Amino acid sequence: MSAAAHHNEYSEDFITALQWMWGDGYLSPGGPLEVAEMLRGVQVSGKRVLDVGCGLGAIDVLLSKTYGAVSVVGIDIEQPLVDHARSRVEKAGLGGSVSVECVEPGPLPFDDASFDIVFSKDSIIHIPDKAAFYSEVLRVLTPGGTFVGSDWLRGGSGSYSGQMQVWLDLVHLSFEMKNLDQTRAALEQAGFVQVQLEDRNEWYRNEVRNELATISGDKLDELARRIGRDKADHRLQSSSAKQIVIERGELRPTHFVGHKPG
């Protein structure tokens, strides 16, 4: 499937709603504080970084300006998101050190050992073949390089519960969810060593309450004025359904770090 054939799932109204909940430039929860949590103990300064699923580019700017990456390449498969990200990078004056590319789904379009760090926040859930993706990440990393990611994982295995299916039906996004054990095994089978996973379900239990507060009452009315009543009500429905599966332990956002052998 080519990038041109890919159906864009992130409309302008959807982008507006997600930033309304999660902050300017972010399409997933936690903002800069969650990025900092992901990068705890990871040396970014002076490194070449690839950001997979860069979205609106806020993290690429952060990796360069705050964390001191010598270069950042952000990639995404949706051209409108890439356009937003490029505009953000230009406004930040980082055109010389940060670039953003629209790529086709599939193998990463980079040479072997091109990056010291591969970073990806909450976009791996959209990738159906995790094993192939992890192998590609390993390939483009330098020996001793680091893969820092977060993914929305599931609890358990087998068929989804009725509550989980309700949320997935409301999401309207292409999700492929694995559990923690499957993720660890896939990373290790791809060749990563010293793999560490951190389950963030407990953190997100509180975060989803904050999320709901941004789309309730008068705030929901204000969002409705921006994107329309039906779309605003849908966001409230989706987040309410998500809270249920978070509380049940069926949705488990997770950070992970793995290293390419030196």
Protein backbone atom coordinates (compact mmCIF):
# COMPACT_ATOMS: atom_id res chain seq x y z
CA MET A 1 0.00 0.00 0.00
CA SER A 2 1.40 3.39 -0.95
CA ALA A 3 1.15 6.56 1.13
CA ALA A 4 -1.06 7.98 -1.60
CA ALA A 5 -3.44 5.01 -1.31
CA HIS A 6 -3.51 5.15 2.48
CA HIS A 7 -6.79 6.48 3.85
CA ASN A 8 -6.02 9.38 6.16
CA GLU A 9 -7.54 8.64 9.56
CA TYR A 10 -6.57 11.92 11.24
CA SER A 11 -8.95 14.58 9.92
CA GLU A 12 -8.55 18.23 10.87
CA ASP A 13 -11.47 18.01 13.30
CA PHE A 14 -9.97 14.89 14.87
CA ILE A 15 -6.60 16.64 15.21
CA THR A 16 -8.34 19.59 16.88
CA ALA A 17 -10.13 17.31 19.34
CA LEU A 18 -7.01 15.33 20.27
CA GLN A 19 -5.01 18.49 20.91
CA TRP A 20 -7.93 19.81 22.93
CA MET A 21 -7.57 16.79 25.23
CA TRP A 22 -3.82 16.28 25.19
CA GLY A 23 -2.17 19.61 24.43
CA ASP A 24 -0.84 21.59 21.48
CA GLY A 25 1.07 19.38 19.07
CA TYR A 26 0.14 16.05 20.71
CA LEU A 27 -2.05 13.27 19.34
CA SER A 28 -1.62 11.00 22.36
CA PRO A 29 -1.72 11.62 26.12
CA GLY A 30 0.91 12.89 28.49
CA GLY A 31 2.61 15.64 26.51
CA PRO A 32 6.21 16.60 27.34
CA LEU A 33 6.08 14.98 30.78
CA GLU A 34 5.31 11.57 29.29
CA VAL A 35 8.09 12.03 26.73
CA ALA A 36 10.44 12.78 29.63
CA GLU A 37 9.29 9.59 31.35
CA MET A 38 10.00 7.59 28.21
CA LEU A 39 13.47 9.11 27.88
CA ARG A 40 14.45 8.72 31.53
CA GLY A 41 18.01 7.38 31.55
CA VAL A 42 18.42 7.70 27.77
CA GLN A 43 21.19 9.98 26.49
CA VAL A 44 19.77 11.96 23.55
CA SER A 45 22.21 14.86 23.35
CA GLY A 46 24.43 14.65 20.27
CA LYS A 47 22.53 11.66 18.87
CA ARG A 48 20.83 11.11 15.50
CA VAL A 49 17.17 10.32 16.17
CA LEU A 50 14.42 8.81 14.03
CA ASP A 51 10.88 9.51 15.25
CA VAL A 52 8.42 6.95 13.84
CA GLY A 53 4.86 8.26 13.68
CA CYS A 54 5.85 11.85 14.32
CA GLY A 55 2.31 13.21 14.05
CA LEU A 56 2.24 16.99 14.47
CA GLY A 57 5.97 17.29 15.14
CA ALA A 58 5.88 18.59 18.71
CA ILE A 59 8.08 15.74 19.90
CA ASP A 60 10.61 16.33 17.11
CA VAL A 61 10.96 19.95 18.23
CA LEU A 62 11.32 18.75 21.82
CA LEU A 63 13.97 16.17 20.93
CA SER A 64 16.04 18.87 19.24
CA LYS A 65 15.55 21.93 21.46
CA THR A 66 15.18 20.34 24.89
CA TYR A 67 17.09 17.08 24.60
CA GLY A 68 19.87 18.23 22.26
CA ALA A 69 19.60 15.67 19.47
CA VAL A 70 22.09 16.58 16.73
CA SER A 71 19.52 15.63 14.10
CA VAL A 72 15.93 14.42 14.09
CA VAL A 73 14.04 12.79 11.23
CA GLY A 74 10.30 12.49 11.80
CA ILE A 75 8.28 10.17 9.60
CA ASP A 76 4.56 9.58 9.17
CA ILE A 77 2.33 7.99 6.56
CA GLU A 78 -0.30 10.77 6.47
CA GLN A 79 0.64 13.82 4.40
CA PRO A 80 -1.61 16.26 6.33
CA LEU A 81 0.18 15.35 9.57
CA VAL A 82 3.55 15.77 7.87
CA ASP A 83 2.46 19.21 6.63
CA HIS A 84 1.52 20.22 10.18
CA ALA A 85 4.83 18.90 11.51
CA ARG A 86 6.90 20.69 8.89
CA SER A 87 5.15 23.97 9.69
CA ARG A 88 5.86 23.49 13.40
CA VAL A 89 9.53 22.74 12.74
CA GLU A 90 9.88 25.82 10.52
CA LYS A 91 8.24 28.07 13.11
CA ALA A 92 10.67 26.73 15.70
CA GLY A 93 13.59 27.63 13.43
CA LEU A 94 14.86 24.05 13.36
CA GLY A 95 14.88 23.41 9.62
CA GLY A 96 18.60 22.74 9.69
CA SER A 97 18.46 19.93 12.25
CA VAL A 98 14.93 18.52 12.02
CA SER A 99 13.30 17.10 8.90
CA VAL A 100 9.93 15.46 8.38
CA GLU A 101 9.12 12.94 5.66
CA CYS A 102 5.94 11.27 4.43
CA VAL A 103 6.74 7.57 3.93
CA GLU A 104 4.97 4.49 2.67
CA PRO A 105 3.89 1.83 5.17
CA GLY A 106 6.40 -1.00 5.24
CA PRO A 107 10.21 -1.13 5.36
CA LEU A 108 11.90 1.99 6.67
CA PRO A 109 13.43 4.02 3.79
CA PHE A 110 16.83 4.42 5.42
CA ASP A 111 20.22 2.76 5.16
CA ASP A 112 21.51 0.32 7.76
CA ALA A 113 22.92 1.94 10.91
CA SER A 114 21.55 5.39 10.11
CA PHE A 115 20.38 6.38 13.61
CA ASP A 116 21.61 6.21 17.18
CA ILE A 117 18.07 6.28 18.61
CA VAL A 118 14.72 5.26 17.18
CA PHE A 119 11.83 6.81 19.08
CA SER A 120 8.11 6.14 18.69
CA LYS A 121 5.29 7.36 20.91
CA ASP A 122 1.93 5.62 20.64
CA SER A 123 2.00 5.02 16.89
CA ILE A 124 3.05 1.35 16.88
CA ILE A 125 -0.55 0.40 17.65
CA HIS A 126 -1.29 1.24 14.00
CA ILE A 127 1.36 -1.18 12.68
CA PRO A 128 -0.06 -4.67 11.99
CA ASP A 129 3.24 -6.57 11.59
CA LYS A 130 5.10 -5.71 14.77
CA ALA A 131 7.84 -8.30 14.21
CA ALA A 132 8.75 -6.89 10.80
CA PHE A 133 8.74 -3.36 12.18
CA TYR A 134 11.01 -4.23 15.10
CA SER A 135 13.43 -5.91 12.70
CA GLU A 136 13.50 -2.77 10.58
CA VAL A 137 14.17 -0.63 13.64
CA LEU A 138 17.08 -2.87 14.58
CA ARG A 139 18.45 -2.62 11.04
CA VAL A 140 18.52 1.19 10.93
CA LEU A 141 20.06 1.52 14.40
CA THR A 142 23.81 1.78 14.86
CA PRO A 143 25.44 -1.01 16.91
CA GLY A 144 24.68 -0.22 20.54
CA GLY A 145 21.79 2.02 19.49
CA THR A 146 18.58 2.39 21.48
CA PHE A 147 14.94 1.85 20.63
CA VAL A 148 12.61 3.89 22.86
CA GLY A 149 8.91 3.34 22.32
CA SER A 150 5.46 3.35 23.77
CA ASP A 151 2.52 1.32 22.55
CA TRP A 152 -1.06 0.81 23.62
CA LEU A 153 -1.07 -2.84 24.64
CA ARG A 154 -3.89 -5.06 25.83
CA GLY A 155 -4.35 -7.16 28.92
CA GLY A 156 -4.79 -10.88 28.36
CA SER A 157 -5.23 -12.61 25.03
CA GLY A 158 -7.96 -14.19 22.96
CA SER A 159 -11.22 -12.45 22.11
CA TYR A 160 -11.84 -8.92 23.32
CA SER A 161 -14.46 -8.33 25.97
CA GLY A 162 -17.70 -6.62 25.02
CA GLN A 163 -16.51 -3.42 26.73
CA MET A 164 -13.23 -3.50 24.82
CA GLN A 165 -15.03 -4.02 21.52
CA VAL A 166 -17.35 -1.09 22.24
CA TRP A 167 -14.33 1.18 22.68
CA LEU A 168 -12.57 -0.15 19.59
CA ASP A 169 -15.72 0.38 17.52
CA LEU A 170 -15.89 3.99 18.73
CA VAL A 171 -12.22 4.67 18.01
CA HIS A 172 -12.57 4.26 14.21
CA LEU A 173 -8.79 3.75 13.86
CA SER A 174 -6.74 0.83 12.54
CA PHE A 175 -5.44 -0.74 15.76
CA GLU A 176 -3.44 -3.96 16.16
CA MET A 177 -2.92 -4.69 19.85
CA LYS A 178 -0.53 -7.13 21.52
CA ASN A 179 0.00 -7.80 25.22
CA LEU A 180 3.13 -7.23 27.31
CA ASP A 181 4.48 -10.78 27.00
CA GLN A 182 3.98 -10.80 23.23
CA THR A 183 5.70 -7.42 22.90
CA ARG A 184 8.72 -8.46 24.95
CA ALA A 185 9.04 -11.71 22.98
CA ALA A 186 8.78 -9.91 19.62
CA LEU A 187 11.44 -7.36 20.58
CA GLU A 188 13.82 -10.07 21.78
CA GLN A 189 13.18 -12.25 18.75
CA ALA A 190 14.01 -9.26 16.53
CA GLY A 191 17.40 -9.11 18.24
CA PHE A 192 17.04 -6.45 20.92
CA VAL A 193 18.79 -7.00 24.25
CA GLN A 194 18.27 -5.56 27.73
CA VAL A 195 14.59 -5.11 26.91
CA GLN A 196 12.64 -3.30 29.62
CA LEU A 197 8.87 -2.67 29.67
CA GLU A 198 6.96 -0.33 31.96
CA ASP A 199 3.20 -0.82 32.24
CA ARG A 200 1.53 2.62 32.42
CA ASN A 201 -2.03 1.45 33.10
CA GLU A 202 -2.06 2.92 36.61
CA TRP A 203 -0.79 6.28 35.34
CA TYR A 204 -3.43 6.35 32.62
CA ARG A 205 -6.23 5.64 35.08
CA ASN A 206 -5.69 9.14 36.42
CA GLU A 207 -4.87 10.62 33.02
CA VAL A 208 -8.14 9.47 31.46
CA ARG A 209 -10.04 11.24 34.24
CA ASN A 210 -8.24 14.46 33.32
CA GLU A 211 -9.02 13.76 29.68
CA LEU A 212 -12.72 13.42 30.41
CA ALA A 213 -12.64 16.69 32.35
CA THR A 214 -11.49 18.52 29.20
CA ILE A 215 -14.52 17.30 27.23
CA SER A 216 -17.29 17.57 29.81
CA GLY A 217 -19.83 20.27 30.65
CA ASP A 218 -19.04 23.74 29.34
CA LYS A 219 -15.75 22.52 27.84
CA LEU A 220 -17.62 20.02 25.70
CA ASP A 221 -19.87 22.83 24.48
CA GLU A 222 -16.82 24.87 23.53
CA LEU A 223 -15.29 21.91 21.67
CA ALA A 224 -18.63 21.40 19.90
CA ARG A 225 -18.48 24.97 18.62
CA ARG A 226 -15.13 24.14 17.03
CA ILE A 227 -15.76 20.72 15.51
CA GLY A 228 -19.53 20.22 15.66
CA ARG A 229 -21.83 18.72 18.28
CA ASP A 230 -21.87 15.18 16.87
CA LYS A 231 -18.08 14.93 16.73
CA ALA A 232 -17.65 16.42 20.20
CA ASP A 233 -20.22 14.02 21.67
CA HIS A 234 -18.43 11.15 19.92
CA ARG A 235 -15.15 12.12 21.61
CA LEU A 236 -16.88 12.03 25.00
CA GLN A 237 -18.37 8.62 24.21
CA SER A 238 -15.01 7.26 23.10
CA SER A 239 -13.12 8.53 26.14
CA SER A 240 -15.84 7.25 28.49
CA ALA A 241 -15.63 3.80 26.90
CA LYS A 242 -11.84 3.95 27.11
CA GLN A 243 -12.01 4.71 30.83
CA ILE A 244 -13.92 1.48 31.37
CA VAL A 245 -11.29 -0.71 29.68
CA ILE A 246 -8.49 1.17 31.43
CA GLU A 247 -10.12 0.53 34.81
CA ARG A 248 -10.67 -3.14 33.87
CA GLY A 249 -6.98 -3.49 32.96
CA GLU A 250 -7.75 -4.39 29.36
CA LEU A 251 -5.94 -1.36 27.92
CA ARG A 252 -2.34 -1.06 29.08
CA PRO A 253 -0.26 1.79 27.62
CA THR A 254 3.35 0.64 27.97
CA HIS A 255 6.82 2.12 27.59
CA PHE A 256 9.72 -0.01 26.44
CA VAL A 257 13.44 0.30 25.81
CA GLY A 258 15.63 -2.11 23.87
CA HIS A 259 19.21 -1.99 22.66
CA LYS A 260 20.90 -3.21 19.52
CA PRO A 261 23.89 -5.37 20.43
CA GLY A 262 27.16 -3.52 20.10
